[in-house]
Amino acid sequence: MPFTDEEIIRAYYHFQQTRADEDFWVWQEVDSMCHDLNSGLRITEKLIESAPTAFSRDCIAAGPLEDLVYRFPTTAVPAIAEIAERSEKMRKALMGVNVDDDSPALAPWNALLIKHHGTTGEL
C-alpha cells in the first residue's frame, strides 16, 4: 500500500531526528520519488514548507532538492524558480543547494540565487 505525502513527511522528519534503521525506508521513498521530476518536486516542496526548523529545511535543500537539480538540470531549475516565486521557505532553501561548476544547471541556478539573494553564495 502506497504512503500518503503526509505519512512520508511525518516519517521523514522522525527519521531525520532519530536515524533509526527501521525508518530508513522513508529516505529511500523520498529518493525514489525524486527520480521523477513531478513527484520529486511535489514531495520536496511539501517537506520544505513543513520543515520544523531551519536545519531541517537546509537538509532537504542539500538532499532531495539538490538531487532534483542534478537529475533534471534543464527542467528542475525553472520549476524550482516557479515555486520560489510564491514560497519564502523555498527561497531560503535555495542557498542550501550546491551545484558543481561543470553542471548544465550552474548558470540558471546562479541566476536564481542572484535574483532572490543577491549572490551566488560562493565564497
Protein backbone atom coordinates (compact mmCIF):
# COMPACT_ATOMS: atom_id res chain seq x y z
CA MET A 1 0.00 0.00 0.00
CA PRO A 2 1.49 3.35 -1.03
CA PHE A 3 2.05 6.01 1.60
CA THR A 4 0.40 9.41 1.54
CA ASP A 5 2.58 12.50 1.29
CA GLU A 6 1.59 13.38 4.86
CA GLU A 7 2.76 9.97 6.13
CA ILE A 8 6.03 10.37 4.27
CA ILE A 9 6.60 13.87 5.64
CA ARG A 10 5.89 12.81 9.21
CA ALA A 11 8.16 9.77 8.90
CA TYR A 12 10.88 11.75 7.14
CA TYR A 13 11.23 14.24 9.98
CA HIS A 14 11.06 11.44 12.54
CA PHE A 15 13.89 9.67 10.71
CA GLN A 16 15.83 12.92 10.49
CA GLN A 17 15.71 13.16 14.28
CA THR A 18 16.32 9.52 15.22
CA ARG A 19 18.24 7.98 12.32
CA ALA A 20 16.61 4.72 13.33
CA ASP A 21 17.36 1.88 10.92
CA GLU A 22 13.73 0.79 10.84
CA ASP A 23 12.76 4.21 9.45
CA PHE A 24 15.32 4.27 6.63
CA TRP A 25 12.55 3.26 4.24
CA VAL A 26 11.31 6.86 4.19
CA TRP A 27 14.64 8.21 2.96
CA GLN A 28 14.52 5.57 0.22
CA GLU A 29 10.92 6.50 -0.62
CA VAL A 30 11.75 10.20 -1.00
CA ASP A 31 14.82 9.35 -3.06
CA SER A 32 12.71 7.14 -5.30
CA MET A 33 10.15 9.92 -5.72
CA CYS A 34 12.97 12.27 -6.74
CA HIS A 35 13.74 10.09 -9.77
CA ASP A 36 10.61 11.63 -11.30
CA LEU A 37 10.60 15.42 -11.55
CA ASN A 38 6.91 15.90 -10.79
CA SER A 39 6.68 13.63 -7.75
CA GLY A 40 10.09 14.79 -6.56
CA LEU A 41 9.12 18.45 -6.74
CA ARG A 42 5.83 17.75 -5.01
CA ILE A 43 7.31 15.94 -2.02
CA THR A 44 10.34 18.23 -1.78
CA GLU A 45 8.19 21.34 -1.76
CA LYS A 46 5.97 19.83 0.92
CA LEU A 47 8.99 18.85 3.00
CA ILE A 48 10.45 22.35 2.75
CA GLU A 49 7.14 24.01 3.56
CA SER A 50 6.61 21.82 6.62
CA ALA A 51 10.20 21.83 7.89
CA PRO A 52 10.12 22.21 11.67
CA THR A 53 13.48 24.03 11.79
CA ALA A 54 15.88 25.88 9.51
CA PHE A 55 18.27 22.93 9.92
CA SER A 56 15.59 20.52 8.65
CA ARG A 57 14.86 22.82 5.69
CA ASP A 58 18.54 23.06 4.86
CA CYS A 59 18.91 19.27 4.98
CA ILE A 60 16.08 18.96 2.45
CA ALA A 61 17.80 21.57 0.28
CA ALA A 62 21.11 19.69 0.37
CA GLY A 63 19.34 16.36 -0.16
CA PRO A 64 16.21 15.96 -2.28
CA LEU A 65 16.22 19.48 -3.75
CA GLU A 66 19.84 19.17 -4.83
CA ASP A 67 19.15 15.70 -6.22
CA LEU A 68 16.43 17.14 -8.44
CA VAL A 69 18.79 19.80 -9.78
CA TYR A 70 21.37 17.13 -10.62
CA ARG A 71 18.94 14.63 -12.08
CA PHE A 72 16.97 17.15 -14.14
CA PRO A 73 19.33 20.11 -14.68
CA THR A 74 17.47 21.73 -17.54
CA THR A 75 13.93 21.27 -16.27
CA ALA A 76 14.20 21.32 -12.48
CA VAL A 77 15.69 24.81 -12.16
CA PRO A 78 12.81 26.58 -13.95
CA ALA A 79 10.27 24.53 -11.97
CA ILE A 80 12.02 25.35 -8.69
CA ALA A 81 12.14 29.02 -9.74
CA GLU A 82 8.35 28.99 -10.13
CA ILE A 83 7.93 27.61 -6.63
CA ALA A 84 10.41 30.15 -5.24
CA GLU A 85 8.30 32.98 -6.67
CA ARG A 86 5.47 32.09 -4.30
CA SER A 87 7.33 30.48 -1.39
CA GLU A 88 9.62 32.27 1.04
CA LYS A 89 10.68 28.93 2.52
CA MET A 90 11.76 27.70 -0.91
CA ARG A 91 13.69 30.94 -1.49
CA LYS A 92 15.54 30.33 1.78
CA ALA A 93 16.23 26.72 0.81
CA LEU A 94 17.88 27.72 -2.47
CA MET A 95 21.13 28.61 -0.72
CA GLY A 96 21.46 25.04 0.58
CA VAL A 97 21.90 23.54 -2.88
CA ASN A 98 25.43 23.04 -4.19
CA VAL A 99 25.77 22.93 -7.97
CA ASP A 100 29.08 21.79 -9.48
CA ASP A 101 30.94 24.09 -11.86
CA ASP A 102 30.52 21.65 -14.75
CA SER A 103 26.76 21.16 -14.30
CA PRO A 104 24.45 22.48 -17.03
CA ALA A 105 22.32 23.79 -14.15
CA LEU A 106 25.04 26.15 -12.85
CA ALA A 107 24.24 29.29 -14.85
CA PRO A 108 20.46 29.18 -14.36
CA TRP A 109 20.91 28.22 -10.70
CA ASN A 110 23.27 31.14 -10.10
CA ALA A 111 20.79 33.46 -11.81
CA LEU A 112 18.07 32.19 -9.46
CA LEU A 113 20.29 32.78 -6.41
CA ILE A 114 21.21 36.28 -7.56
CA LYS A 115 17.54 37.10 -8.12
CA HIS A 116 16.47 36.02 -4.64
CA HIS A 117 19.63 36.51 -2.58
CA GLY A 118 21.77 38.99 -4.50
CA THR A 119 24.65 36.49 -4.58
CA THR A 120 25.51 33.04 -5.85
CA GLY A 121 26.58 32.01 -2.38
CA GLU A 122 30.13 31.20 -3.49
CA LEU A 123 32.93 32.04 -1.09
